[in-house]
Amino acid sequence: MSCRYPNDIATPQEYWNTLSAAKDIRTGPPNERWGTSIPLSQPLRGTFLHDIEQYDPEYFGLAEDEVKDMDAQQRIAIEVCCDALRSASYWDDENRRPKEGKDNIATYVGVANPDGATLGYQTEPTKNTLVGVLTFGASNRAAYCLGLKGGSMTLDTGCSSSLYAVHMACNSLLMGDCDAALACGSTVITNPNMYTMLYRVGVLSPNYMIRAFDAAADGYVRGEGCGAVLLKRLADAERDGDVILGVIRGSAIGHNGKTRNIVAPSVEGQGRVINEAMERAGVTAAQVDYVEAHATGTKAGDRKELLTIQEVYVDKAKERTAERPVVVGAVKSMFGHAEGAAGIMGLQKAILVLLNRSAPPNINFTRIRPEVAIDYGSKVVFPLGENMNLGDREGLLWAGVNSFGAGGTNAHVVIQEYPRQSGKEVKFEKYSYNKRFVPVVSHAGEYFICEHIRSMCETDPVLARAPAAPNGHLTNGHAPAAAEKGRVGKEGTKNTKSDGEVYFLPAAFGCMLVGSLATVAWKVFRG
């Protein structure tokens, strides 16, 4: 198991330490990410990776020109997948390839952010651009660079992409297509344009804070990250003497079907995949100790997910008692919404919860949504303030992980704690690379932004009527809008090369883990 997450997290242990500290890790975007020429109305907050320009092309047999034309999400996925192999003792570091007989590994990568492809269309293409920026390159590039010979697939189901990747990896193992499988999710924000679309949909918090399930929740904050797990069949992992971090007992995927609109969440659709996954796992809802929720902080999404949790884990779980409530975690309240990588981030947190028999606290929570009838504080509890001890619960712990896509694609994974292995210590090491500066395909410059704003002003009556903004120099912020010398609108973008000041615009947008560090082994579904 391996990861790169905000707050300079490079190992699952560092991830756990940050979760347990319950700290606010939101920052502004790195200064070098989009430059300071992009006019934004107020300081943007999110959870960002730093130093994405630092890379080691030679380690992976890549030329610098290839890496320059490569989506940052591909870059980081290669490295994180390699770390997962290293942690599982599958990697020959001297020869930089899988160990003998350990290359029949499938590669499934969830990527939902189109920034790389979008930027690729805006720059002069090279021979490397096609594979470098289109999403199919994410899984194929990782398999190529690491010498993996199992199947390879990049998945985009929106926010559920990486948990779909986990499900597909499990199925590949079930069918005997591979001996092991990597499931990965990767999100890096290299173009601010997506913020415009998300604001139009109304899912971003104007206060840049995810208050998951809270009465004051008003949307989500974008986040970045990349995580990977190495999956094996349980019997194979036990036979090979692998260090096992947890067992994926069942998984399921599905779509909401025809609902009020395509982005509307569905209690029926969510409940169906959760129940299917539990049935395959051979577990009842009352036995589930912990649920890592999707919990984006949107009003509609949180309300529907709370109703689903109440229905599945309380109303239809007659054996559920207040003495053994279901504990609900919300990693996004701290790390933001990593979109395509959100599912793998949630899965890794759930694995760490089982390993430590403890649930890290949710943050930014004061009061439960009052309009939702839920047994909060009794049969449903949130860990708050400090880690919640699960060590006194009898038997092996069970956990479920939710991941719901904006287009109606739902995924759920059920995992079980694995008994402590005598003589095998779980450690999470940090691996080093000889990194140097290699530019990342990023924003196309001030000209593109101003052209984008010109288009918006022509079609958006609110922006077209926006008054001149007060004086003030720009910093990185949110709502994209261009203004030159305090003027907004088409005439405000005439001289994009001017050395005149640029001013603020008034806010117009309001398996099983194996390996000596981590791995995943998996049990065949019962059917």
Protein backbone atom coordinates (compact mmCIF):
# COMPACT_ATOMS: atom_id res chain seq x y z
CA MET A 1 0.00 0.00 0.00
CA SER A 2 1.41 3.40 -0.95
CA CYS A 3 0.33 7.01 -1.29
CA ARG A 4 1.17 10.64 -1.96
CA TYR A 5 -1.25 12.96 -0.19
CA PRO A 6 -1.32 16.64 0.79
CA ASN A 7 0.61 17.77 3.87
CA ASP A 8 3.73 16.18 2.33
CA ILE A 9 2.45 12.68 3.07
CA ALA A 10 4.54 9.99 1.38
CA THR A 11 3.62 6.84 3.35
CA PRO A 12 0.49 5.27 4.86
CA GLN A 13 1.99 5.82 8.32
CA GLU A 14 2.27 9.55 7.66
CA TYR A 15 -1.30 9.46 6.37
CA TRP A 16 -2.45 7.82 9.61
CA ASN A 17 -0.54 10.30 11.76
CA THR A 18 -2.18 13.24 9.99
CA LEU A 19 -5.63 11.68 10.26
CA SER A 20 -5.14 11.10 13.98
CA ALA A 21 -3.93 14.67 14.52
CA ALA A 22 -7.26 16.00 13.17
CA LYS A 23 -5.58 19.08 11.76
CA ASP A 24 -6.77 21.45 9.08
CA ILE A 25 -4.40 20.92 6.15
CA ARG A 26 -6.05 23.28 3.66
CA THR A 27 -3.73 25.68 1.89
CA GLY A 28 -3.73 27.87 -1.16
CA PRO A 29 -2.46 26.34 -4.41
CA PRO A 30 1.33 26.23 -4.77
CA ASN A 31 2.59 29.50 -6.27
CA GLU A 32 4.14 27.75 -9.25
CA ARG A 33 0.97 25.81 -10.12
CA TRP A 34 -0.95 28.37 -12.16
CA GLY A 35 1.16 31.46 -11.74
CA THR A 36 0.01 34.74 -10.25
CA SER A 37 -1.42 36.09 -13.52
CA ILE A 38 -4.70 34.26 -13.06
CA PRO A 39 -7.25 36.68 -11.60
CA LEU A 40 -9.35 35.13 -8.89
CA SER A 41 -11.73 36.92 -6.57
CA GLN A 42 -10.62 35.69 -3.15
CA PRO A 43 -7.96 33.34 -1.78
CA LEU A 44 -8.63 29.80 -2.91
CA ARG A 45 -8.27 27.00 -0.37
CA GLY A 46 -7.87 23.30 -0.94
CA THR A 47 -5.54 20.40 -0.24
CA PHE A 48 -2.70 20.34 -2.73
CA LEU A 49 0.35 18.27 -3.49
CA HIS A 50 3.61 20.19 -3.54
CA ASP A 51 6.70 19.75 -5.68
CA ILE A 52 4.91 17.88 -8.46
CA GLU A 53 7.61 19.23 -10.79
CA GLN A 54 10.21 17.08 -9.01
CA TYR A 55 10.61 13.76 -10.82
CA ASP A 56 13.11 10.99 -11.60
CA PRO A 57 12.61 10.11 -15.30
CA GLU A 58 15.69 7.89 -15.51
CA TYR A 59 14.48 5.54 -12.77
CA PHE A 60 11.47 4.63 -14.90
CA GLY A 61 13.34 4.59 -18.22
CA LEU A 62 11.74 7.79 -19.45
CA ALA A 63 13.25 10.63 -21.46
CA GLU A 64 12.83 14.12 -20.06
CA ASP A 65 10.82 15.14 -23.13
CA GLU A 66 8.34 12.33 -22.44
CA VAL A 67 7.84 13.48 -18.88
CA LYS A 68 7.44 17.12 -19.88
CA ASP A 69 4.49 16.15 -22.09
CA MET A 70 2.95 13.84 -19.51
CA ASP A 71 -0.11 14.57 -17.38
CA ALA A 72 1.01 15.02 -13.77
CA GLN A 73 -1.56 12.38 -12.78
CA GLN A 74 0.36 9.83 -14.87
CA ARG A 75 3.67 10.85 -13.37
CA ILE A 76 2.58 10.37 -9.81
CA ALA A 77 0.65 7.14 -10.54
CA ILE A 78 3.80 5.47 -11.90
CA GLU A 79 5.76 6.39 -8.79
CA VAL A 80 3.04 5.40 -6.31
CA CYS A 81 2.39 2.07 -8.07
CA CYS A 82 6.13 1.37 -7.94
CA ASP A 83 6.12 2.11 -4.22
CA ALA A 84 3.29 -0.40 -3.74
CA LEU A 85 5.38 -3.08 -5.47
CA ARG A 86 8.41 -2.17 -3.39
CA SER A 87 6.42 -2.32 -0.17
CA ALA A 88 5.21 -5.81 -1.07
CA SER A 89 8.73 -7.07 -1.86
CA TYR A 90 7.70 -7.51 -5.50
CA TRP A 91 10.27 -5.08 -6.90
CA ASP A 92 13.89 -5.61 -7.90
CA ASP A 93 15.28 -2.16 -7.12
CA GLU A 94 18.72 -2.86 -8.57
CA ASN A 95 17.37 -3.85 -11.99
CA ARG A 96 14.27 -1.64 -11.71
CA ARG A 97 11.74 -4.28 -12.66
CA PRO A 98 9.47 -6.82 -10.96
CA LYS A 99 11.21 -9.73 -9.31
CA GLU A 100 11.47 -12.93 -11.32
CA GLY A 101 8.07 -14.52 -11.84
CA LYS A 102 6.19 -11.57 -10.32
CA ASP A 103 5.21 -9.57 -13.41
CA ASN A 104 1.76 -11.07 -14.10
CA ILE A 105 0.18 -8.06 -12.43
CA ALA A 106 -2.87 -6.18 -13.72
CA THR A 107 -3.00 -2.39 -13.54
CA TYR A 108 -6.23 -0.48 -12.90
CA VAL A 109 -6.05 3.29 -12.46
CA GLY A 110 -8.95 5.63 -11.70
CA VAL A 111 -8.56 9.12 -13.18
CA ALA A 112 -11.48 11.54 -13.44
CA ASN A 113 -9.77 14.91 -13.84
CA PRO A 114 -9.43 15.91 -17.54
CA ASP A 115 -6.90 18.69 -16.94
CA GLY A 116 -4.08 16.89 -18.73
CA ALA A 117 -6.10 16.27 -21.88
CA THR A 118 -7.58 19.78 -21.83
CA LEU A 119 -4.17 21.37 -21.62
CA GLY A 120 -2.82 19.02 -24.26
CA TYR A 121 -5.31 20.43 -26.75
CA GLN A 122 -4.19 23.98 -25.95
CA THR A 123 -0.47 23.48 -26.58
CA GLU A 124 1.51 22.52 -29.66
CA PRO A 125 1.41 18.68 -29.72
CA THR A 126 4.55 16.58 -29.89
CA LYS A 127 5.06 12.88 -30.55
CA ASN A 128 4.63 12.33 -26.79
CA THR A 129 1.42 14.28 -26.29
CA LEU A 130 -1.08 11.56 -27.26
CA VAL A 131 -0.14 8.98 -24.65
CA GLY A 132 1.09 11.67 -22.29
CA VAL A 133 -2.16 13.53 -21.72
CA LEU A 134 -5.06 11.25 -22.69
CA THR A 135 -6.50 9.25 -19.82
CA PHE A 136 -5.84 5.80 -21.30
CA GLY A 137 -2.17 6.53 -20.75
CA ALA A 138 -2.46 6.47 -16.95
CA SER A 139 -2.72 2.70 -16.50
CA ASN A 140 -0.79 1.81 -19.64
CA ARG A 141 2.13 4.07 -18.80
CA ALA A 142 2.36 2.57 -15.31
CA ALA A 143 2.27 -0.98 -16.71
CA TYR A 144 4.86 -0.08 -19.35
CA CYS A 145 7.30 1.67 -17.04
CA LEU A 146 7.05 -1.02 -14.37
CA GLY A 147 7.07 -4.00 -16.75
CA LEU A 148 3.69 -5.38 -15.67
CA LYS A 149 2.10 -7.94 -18.00
CA GLY A 150 -1.42 -8.37 -16.67
CA GLY A 151 -4.40 -6.44 -18.00
CA SER A 152 -4.39 -2.65 -17.98
CA MET A 153 -7.33 -0.26 -17.79
CA THR A 154 -7.93 3.38 -16.92
CA LEU A 155 -11.36 4.04 -15.44
CA ASP A 156 -13.33 7.27 -15.30
CA THR A 157 -16.62 6.99 -13.43
CA GLY A 158 -16.27 10.40 -11.82
CA CYS A 159 -15.74 10.48 -8.06
CA SER A 160 -16.02 6.67 -7.78
CA SER A 161 -13.26 5.97 -10.34
CA SER A 162 -10.62 4.53 -8.02
CA LEU A 163 -13.03 2.34 -6.04
CA TYR A 164 -14.30 1.03 -9.39
CA ALA A 165 -10.64 0.26 -10.11
CA VAL A 166 -10.51 -1.80 -6.91
CA HIS A 167 -13.64 -3.72 -7.92
CA MET A 168 -12.25 -4.41 -11.40
CA ALA A 169 -8.96 -5.56 -9.90
CA CYS A 170 -10.82 -8.00 -7.65
CA ASN A 171 -12.75 -9.37 -10.62
CA SER A 172 -9.54 -9.80 -12.60
CA LEU A 173 -8.17 -11.92 -9.77
CA LEU A 174 -11.42 -13.87 -9.51
CA MET A 175 -11.30 -14.71 -13.22
CA GLY A 176 -7.68 -15.83 -12.98
CA ASP A 177 -6.48 -13.17 -15.42
CA CYS A 178 -3.53 -12.23 -13.23
CA ASP A 179 -1.57 -13.29 -10.16
CA ALA A 180 -1.84 -9.88 -8.51
CA ALA A 181 -3.42 -6.53 -9.34
CA LEU A 182 -2.64 -2.90 -8.68
CA ALA A 183 -5.59 -0.59 -8.01
CA CYS A 184 -4.73 3.09 -8.05
CA GLY A 185 -6.39 6.51 -8.11
CA SER A 186 -4.71 9.77 -9.08
CA THR A 187 -5.83 13.41 -9.03
CA VAL A 188 -3.69 16.49 -9.68
CA ILE A 189 -5.26 19.86 -10.53
CA THR A 190 -3.19 21.52 -13.25
CA ASN A 191 -5.87 23.74 -14.78
CA PRO A 192 -8.18 26.09 -12.85
CA ASN A 193 -10.85 25.81 -15.53
CA MET A 194 -12.62 22.92 -13.76
CA TYR A 195 -13.52 25.28 -10.92
CA THR A 196 -15.83 27.14 -13.29
CA MET A 197 -17.79 24.00 -14.12
CA LEU A 198 -18.00 22.90 -10.50
CA TYR A 199 -19.27 26.30 -9.39
CA ARG A 200 -21.94 26.14 -12.09
CA VAL A 201 -23.08 22.77 -10.75
CA GLY A 202 -23.14 24.28 -7.27
CA VAL A 203 -21.06 21.68 -5.44
CA LEU A 204 -18.11 23.80 -4.24
CA SER A 205 -18.20 25.39 -0.80
CA PRO A 206 -17.99 29.20 -0.97
CA ASN A 207 -16.21 28.99 2.39
CA TYR A 208 -13.73 26.36 1.19
CA MET A 209 -14.55 23.94 3.97
CA ILE A 210 -16.11 20.47 3.93
CA ARG A 211 -18.49 20.15 6.86
CA ALA A 212 -19.46 16.54 6.23
CA PHE A 213 -22.99 15.77 7.50
CA ASP A 214 -23.08 19.06 9.42
CA ALA A 215 -26.12 21.32 9.46
CA ALA A 216 -23.97 24.11 8.00
CA ALA A 217 -22.53 22.03 5.14
CA ASP A 218 -22.45 24.03 1.90
CA GLY A 219 -20.30 22.04 -0.53
CA TYR A 220 -16.85 20.62 -0.91
CA VAL A 221 -13.24 21.66 -1.26
CA ARG A 222 -11.14 20.17 -4.04
CA GLY A 223 -8.21 18.00 -3.10
CA GLU A 224 -5.36 16.11 -4.72
CA GLY A 225 -3.61 12.83 -4.10
CA CYS A 226 -2.63 9.42 -5.36
CA GLY A 227 -2.91 6.04 -3.66
CA ALA A 228 -2.37 2.43 -4.69
CA VAL A 229 -2.94 -1.03 -3.23
CA LEU A 230 -1.54 -4.35 -4.41
CA LEU A 231 -4.17 -7.09 -4.37
CA LYS A 232 -3.78 -10.86 -4.31
CA ARG A 233 -6.07 -13.80 -3.78
CA LEU A 234 -6.13 -14.58 -0.07
CA ALA A 235 -5.01 -18.19 -0.44
CA ASP A 236 -2.06 -17.10 -2.59
CA ALA A 237 -1.01 -14.41 -0.12
CA GLU A 238 -1.10 -16.85 2.78
CA ARG A 239 0.78 -19.49 0.77
CA ASP A 240 3.49 -16.98 -0.19
CA GLY A 241 3.94 -15.71 3.35
CA ASP A 242 2.99 -12.14 2.47
CA VAL A 243 2.34 -9.50 5.11
CA ILE A 244 -1.42 -9.04 4.93
CA LEU A 245 -2.99 -5.73 5.90
CA GLY A 246 -6.65 -6.57 5.43
CA VAL A 247 -9.09 -8.68 3.42
CA ILE A 248 -11.48 -7.44 0.76
CA ARG A 249 -14.41 -9.78 1.36
CA GLY A 250 -16.75 -8.32 -1.23
CA SER A 251 -17.35 -5.42 -3.58
CA ALA A 252 -20.13 -4.20 -5.83
CA ILE A 253 -20.79 -1.49 -8.40
CA GLY A 254 -23.97 -0.11 -9.93
CA HIS A 255 -25.76 2.89 -11.38
CA ASN A 256 -28.69 4.86 -10.00
CA GLY A 257 -30.61 4.48 -13.25
CA LYS A 258 -33.22 7.09 -14.18
CA THR A 259 -33.52 9.58 -11.32
CA ARG A 260 -34.60 13.22 -11.00
CA ASN A 261 -31.46 14.23 -12.88
CA ILE A 262 -28.15 12.61 -13.69
CA VAL A 263 -26.26 14.16 -10.77
CA ALA A 264 -28.98 13.46 -8.19
CA PRO A 265 -27.88 10.88 -5.58
CA SER A 266 -30.18 7.94 -4.90
CA VAL A 267 -30.78 6.17 -1.58
CA GLU A 268 -32.06 3.14 -3.49
CA GLY A 269 -29.02 3.03 -5.77
CA GLN A 270 -26.52 3.47 -2.95
CA GLY A 271 -28.25 0.93 -0.73
CA ARG A 272 -28.36 -1.63 -3.53
CA VAL A 273 -24.57 -1.72 -4.06
CA ILE A 274 -23.88 -1.75 -0.31
CA ASN A 275 -26.21 -4.70 0.21
CA GLU A 276 -24.78 -6.57 -2.78
CA ALA A 277 -21.24 -6.12 -1.48
CA MET A 278 -22.22 -7.31 2.00
CA GLU A 279 -24.01 -10.35 0.57
CA ARG A 280 -20.90 -11.30 -1.41
CA ALA A 281 -18.80 -10.77 1.70
CA GLY A 282 -21.03 -13.00 3.80
CA VAL A 283 -21.56 -10.31 6.44
CA THR A 284 -24.67 -8.69 7.86
CA ALA A 285 -25.10 -4.95 8.24
CA ALA A 286 -25.20 -5.29 12.03
CA GLN A 287 -21.69 -6.79 11.98
CA VAL A 288 -20.15 -3.79 10.21
CA ASP A 289 -18.20 -1.71 12.73
CA TYR A 290 -16.99 1.16 10.58
CA VAL A 291 -18.14 2.92 7.40
CA GLU A 292 -15.93 5.35 5.50
CA ALA A 293 -18.55 7.59 3.95
CA HIS A 294 -18.44 9.41 0.62
CA ALA A 295 -19.43 12.55 2.59
CA THR A 296 -18.71 15.43 0.21
CA GLY A 297 -20.47 18.07 2.28
CA THR A 298 -23.04 18.89 -0.41
CA LYS A 299 -26.57 19.35 0.85
CA ALA A 300 -28.20 16.78 -1.42
CA GLY A 301 -25.34 14.28 -1.25
CA ASP A 302 -25.00 14.29 2.53
CA ARG A 303 -28.73 14.04 3.10
CA LYS A 304 -29.12 11.03 0.81
CA GLU A 305 -26.06 9.26 2.20
CA LEU A 306 -27.23 9.74 5.80
CA LEU A 307 -30.58 8.24 4.84
CA THR A 308 -28.78 5.31 3.20
CA ILE A 309 -26.63 4.72 6.29
CA GLN A 310 -29.69 4.81 8.55
CA GLU A 311 -31.65 2.46 6.30
CA VAL A 312 -28.88 -0.10 5.72
CA TYR A 313 -27.00 -0.13 9.02
CA VAL A 314 -29.83 0.61 11.47
CA ASP A 315 -33.39 0.18 10.17
CA LYS A 316 -32.70 -3.12 8.38
CA ALA A 317 -30.04 -4.25 10.86
CA LYS A 318 -32.29 -5.35 13.71
CA GLU A 319 -29.36 -6.72 15.72
CA ARG A 320 -27.66 -3.31 15.80
CA THR A 321 -27.40 -1.97 19.35
CA ALA A 322 -26.24 1.27 20.92
CA GLU A 323 -23.51 -0.76 22.64
CA ARG A 324 -21.98 -1.52 19.23
CA PRO A 325 -22.93 1.41 16.98
CA VAL A 326 -21.71 1.84 13.44
CA VAL A 327 -18.88 4.39 13.40
CA VAL A 328 -18.96 6.71 10.37
CA GLY A 329 -15.77 8.38 9.13
CA ALA A 330 -15.41 11.23 6.64
CA VAL A 331 -11.86 11.66 5.32
CA LYS A 332 -12.94 14.49 3.02
CA SER A 333 -13.62 16.75 6.00
CA MET A 334 -9.83 16.93 6.39
CA PHE A 335 -8.35 16.07 2.98
CA GLY A 336 -10.96 17.58 0.71
CA HIS A 337 -12.54 15.78 -2.23
CA ALA A 338 -9.82 14.10 -4.28
CA GLU A 339 -12.43 13.25 -6.93
CA GLY A 340 -11.02 10.36 -9.00
CA ALA A 341 -8.65 9.40 -6.16
CA ALA A 342 -11.27 9.77 -3.41
CA GLY A 343 -12.23 6.08 -3.34
CA ILE A 344 -8.69 4.78 -2.85
CA MET A 345 -8.09 7.45 -0.19
CA GLY A 346 -11.16 6.22 1.69
CA LEU A 347 -10.20 2.56 1.29
CA GLN A 348 -6.70 3.16 2.63
CA LYS A 349 -8.11 5.02 5.62
CA ALA A 350 -10.48 2.12 6.36
CA ILE A 351 -7.59 -0.37 6.15
CA LEU A 352 -5.63 1.74 8.64
CA VAL A 353 -8.67 1.90 10.94
CA LEU A 354 -8.78 -1.91 11.04
CA LEU A 355 -5.02 -2.22 11.49
CA ASN A 356 -5.04 0.22 14.41
CA ARG A 357 -8.49 -0.76 15.74
CA SER A 358 -9.16 2.93 16.09
CA ALA A 359 -11.16 5.53 14.12
CA PRO A 360 -9.62 9.00 13.57
CA PRO A 361 -11.88 11.98 14.25
CA ASN A 362 -13.91 13.82 11.65
CA ILE A 363 -13.36 17.58 11.68
CA ASN A 364 -15.55 20.60 10.91
CA PHE A 365 -18.59 19.00 12.53
CA THR A 366 -20.86 20.66 15.10
CA ARG A 367 -24.45 19.55 14.60
CA ILE A 368 -26.10 16.78 12.56
CA ARG A 369 -28.40 17.74 9.67
CA PRO A 370 -31.71 18.40 11.51
CA GLU A 371 -33.98 17.38 8.63
CA VAL A 372 -32.57 13.84 8.47
CA ALA A 373 -34.14 11.25 10.77
CA ILE A 374 -31.12 9.26 11.91
CA ASP A 375 -30.16 7.57 15.18
CA TYR A 376 -27.15 9.84 15.56
CA GLY A 377 -25.40 9.51 18.91
CA SER A 378 -27.01 6.15 19.54
CA LYS A 379 -26.65 3.51 16.83
CA VAL A 380 -24.75 5.82 14.47
CA VAL A 381 -21.76 7.77 15.82
CA PHE A 382 -19.04 10.02 14.42
CA PRO A 383 -15.56 10.04 15.97
CA LEU A 384 -14.94 13.60 17.13
CA GLY A 385 -12.08 15.34 18.89
CA GLU A 386 -9.80 12.32 19.18
CA ASN A 387 -9.41 8.78 17.89
CA MET A 388 -12.27 6.47 18.86
CA ASN A 389 -11.05 3.20 20.32
CA LEU A 390 -12.44 0.08 18.62
CA GLY A 391 -10.04 -2.27 20.38
CA ASP A 392 -12.56 -3.51 22.91
CA ARG A 393 -14.91 -4.90 20.25
CA GLU A 394 -14.98 -8.68 20.12
CA GLY A 395 -13.91 -10.56 17.02
CA LEU A 396 -12.39 -9.28 13.81
CA LEU A 397 -13.55 -5.83 12.74
CA TRP A 398 -15.52 -5.17 9.55
CA ALA A 399 -15.60 -1.97 7.50
CA GLY A 400 -17.41 -0.67 4.44
CA VAL A 401 -16.24 2.03 2.03
CA ASN A 402 -18.64 4.20 0.01
CA SER A 403 -17.73 5.97 -3.22
CA PHE A 404 -20.46 7.58 -5.30
CA GLY A 405 -19.89 9.20 -8.70
CA ALA A 406 -21.58 12.44 -9.76
CA GLY A 407 -23.00 10.69 -12.83
CA GLY A 408 -24.75 8.01 -10.76
CA THR A 409 -21.98 5.39 -10.59
CA ASN A 410 -21.82 3.85 -7.12
CA ALA A 411 -19.21 1.53 -5.62
CA HIS A 412 -18.87 -0.17 -2.25
CA VAL A 413 -16.13 -2.38 -0.82
CA VAL A 414 -16.35 -4.52 2.33
CA ILE A 415 -13.10 -5.27 4.14
CA GLN A 416 -12.28 -7.35 7.19
CA GLU A 417 -9.48 -7.12 9.69
CA TYR A 418 -6.85 -9.84 9.26
CA PRO A 419 -5.55 -11.64 12.36
CA ARG A 420 -2.15 -10.51 13.55
CA GLN A 421 0.59 -12.51 11.85
CA SER A 422 3.19 -13.96 14.17
CA GLY A 423 6.68 -12.74 13.32
CA LYS A 424 5.47 -10.29 10.65
CA GLU A 425 5.66 -6.59 11.40
CA VAL A 426 3.69 -4.03 9.44
CA LYS A 427 5.97 -1.12 8.58
CA PHE A 428 5.54 1.66 6.08
CA GLU A 429 8.81 2.86 4.60
CA LYS A 430 9.52 5.98 2.59
CA TYR A 431 11.22 5.27 -0.74
CA SER A 432 13.65 7.66 -2.34
CA TYR A 433 14.18 8.72 -5.95
CA ASN A 434 16.83 10.93 -7.54
CA LYS A 435 14.38 13.70 -8.37
CA ARG A 436 15.05 16.89 -10.27
CA PHE A 437 12.97 19.67 -11.77
CA VAL A 438 10.99 18.59 -14.85
CA PRO A 439 8.22 21.06 -15.82
CA VAL A 440 4.62 19.91 -15.58
CA VAL A 441 2.03 20.55 -18.29
CA SER A 442 0.07 23.28 -16.53
CA HIS A 443 -2.02 26.35 -17.28
CA ALA A 444 -1.78 27.71 -20.81
CA GLY A 445 -1.04 31.20 -19.60
CA GLU A 446 -2.82 34.49 -19.22
CA TYR A 447 -4.01 34.54 -22.82
CA PHE A 448 -6.04 31.34 -22.44
CA ILE A 449 -7.58 32.49 -19.17
CA CYS A 450 -8.62 35.82 -20.64
CA GLU A 451 -10.09 34.14 -23.70
CA HIS A 452 -12.02 31.85 -21.37
CA ILE A 453 -13.35 34.83 -19.44
CA ARG A 454 -14.26 36.61 -22.68
CA SER A 455 -16.39 33.62 -23.61
CA MET A 456 -18.02 33.55 -20.19
CA CYS A 457 -18.83 37.25 -20.35
CA GLU A 458 -20.54 36.75 -23.70
CA THR A 459 -22.80 34.02 -22.34
CA ASP A 460 -23.25 34.90 -18.65
CA PRO A 461 -25.47 37.95 -18.04
CA VAL A 462 -24.29 38.24 -14.43
CA LEU A 463 -20.65 38.56 -15.46
CA ALA A 464 -21.49 40.87 -18.34
CA ARG A 465 -23.12 43.31 -15.88
CA ALA A 466 -20.45 42.96 -13.18
CA PRO A 467 -19.17 46.37 -12.01
CA ALA A 468 -15.56 47.45 -11.88
CA ALA A 469 -13.70 45.82 -9.03
CA PRO A 470 -11.92 47.64 -6.20
CA ASN A 471 -8.19 48.09 -6.47
CA GLY A 472 -6.03 45.28 -5.19
CA HIS A 473 -3.30 43.02 -6.46
CA LEU A 474 -4.14 39.44 -7.27
CA THR A 475 -3.29 36.35 -5.36
CA ASN A 476 -4.35 32.84 -6.18
CA GLY A 477 -8.02 32.59 -5.41
CA HIS A 478 -11.28 31.12 -6.63
CA ALA A 479 -13.96 32.18 -9.14
CA PRO A 480 -12.17 32.65 -12.48
CA ALA A 481 -12.73 36.13 -13.86
CA ALA A 482 -10.52 38.49 -15.82
CA ALA A 483 -10.26 42.21 -15.33
CA GLU A 484 -7.65 44.65 -16.54
CA LYS A 485 -7.33 47.99 -14.74
CA GLY A 486 -10.47 47.32 -12.76
CA ARG A 487 -12.75 46.63 -15.72
CA VAL A 488 -14.74 43.47 -16.23
CA GLY A 489 -16.17 42.10 -19.43
CA LYS A 490 -15.08 41.81 -23.03
CA GLU A 491 -13.25 45.12 -23.13
CA GLY A 492 -11.40 44.21 -19.94
CA THR A 493 -9.36 41.54 -21.72
CA LYS A 494 -8.05 43.53 -24.67
CA ASN A 495 -4.44 43.85 -23.67
CA THR A 496 -3.39 40.62 -22.02
CA LYS A 497 0.27 41.59 -22.19
CA SER A 498 -0.24 44.91 -20.41
CA ASP A 499 1.86 45.66 -17.37
CA GLY A 500 -1.14 47.38 -15.80
CA GLU A 501 -2.52 46.00 -12.59
CA VAL A 502 -5.10 43.24 -12.52
CA TYR A 503 -7.84 43.57 -9.97
CA PHE A 504 -10.27 41.47 -7.99
CA LEU A 505 -13.70 40.73 -9.31
CA PRO A 506 -16.52 40.86 -6.74
CA ALA A 507 -17.46 37.27 -5.97
CA ALA A 508 -19.77 36.32 -8.79
CA PHE A 509 -19.62 32.64 -7.94
CA GLY A 510 -20.37 32.16 -4.74
CA CYS A 511 -8.68 -7.66 -1.58
CA MET A 512 -6.03 -7.99 1.17
CA LEU A 513 -2.96 -6.05 1.74
CA VAL A 514 0.18 -7.98 1.32
CA GLY A 515 3.83 -7.18 1.33
CA SER A 516 6.27 -6.16 3.89
CA LEU A 517 4.71 -2.80 3.82
CA ALA A 518 1.49 -3.19 2.19
CA THR A 519 -0.28 -5.35 -0.21
CA VAL A 520 -3.68 -6.61 -0.64
CA ALA A 521 -4.94 -10.11 -0.63
CA TRP A 522 -8.47 -10.96 -1.52
CA LYS A 523 -11.00 -13.72 -0.99
CA VAL A 524 -13.18 -15.05 -3.82
CA PHE A 525 -16.78 -13.90 -3.52
CA ARG A 526 -19.22 -16.41 -2.20
CA GLY A 527 -21.99 -17.00 -4.61
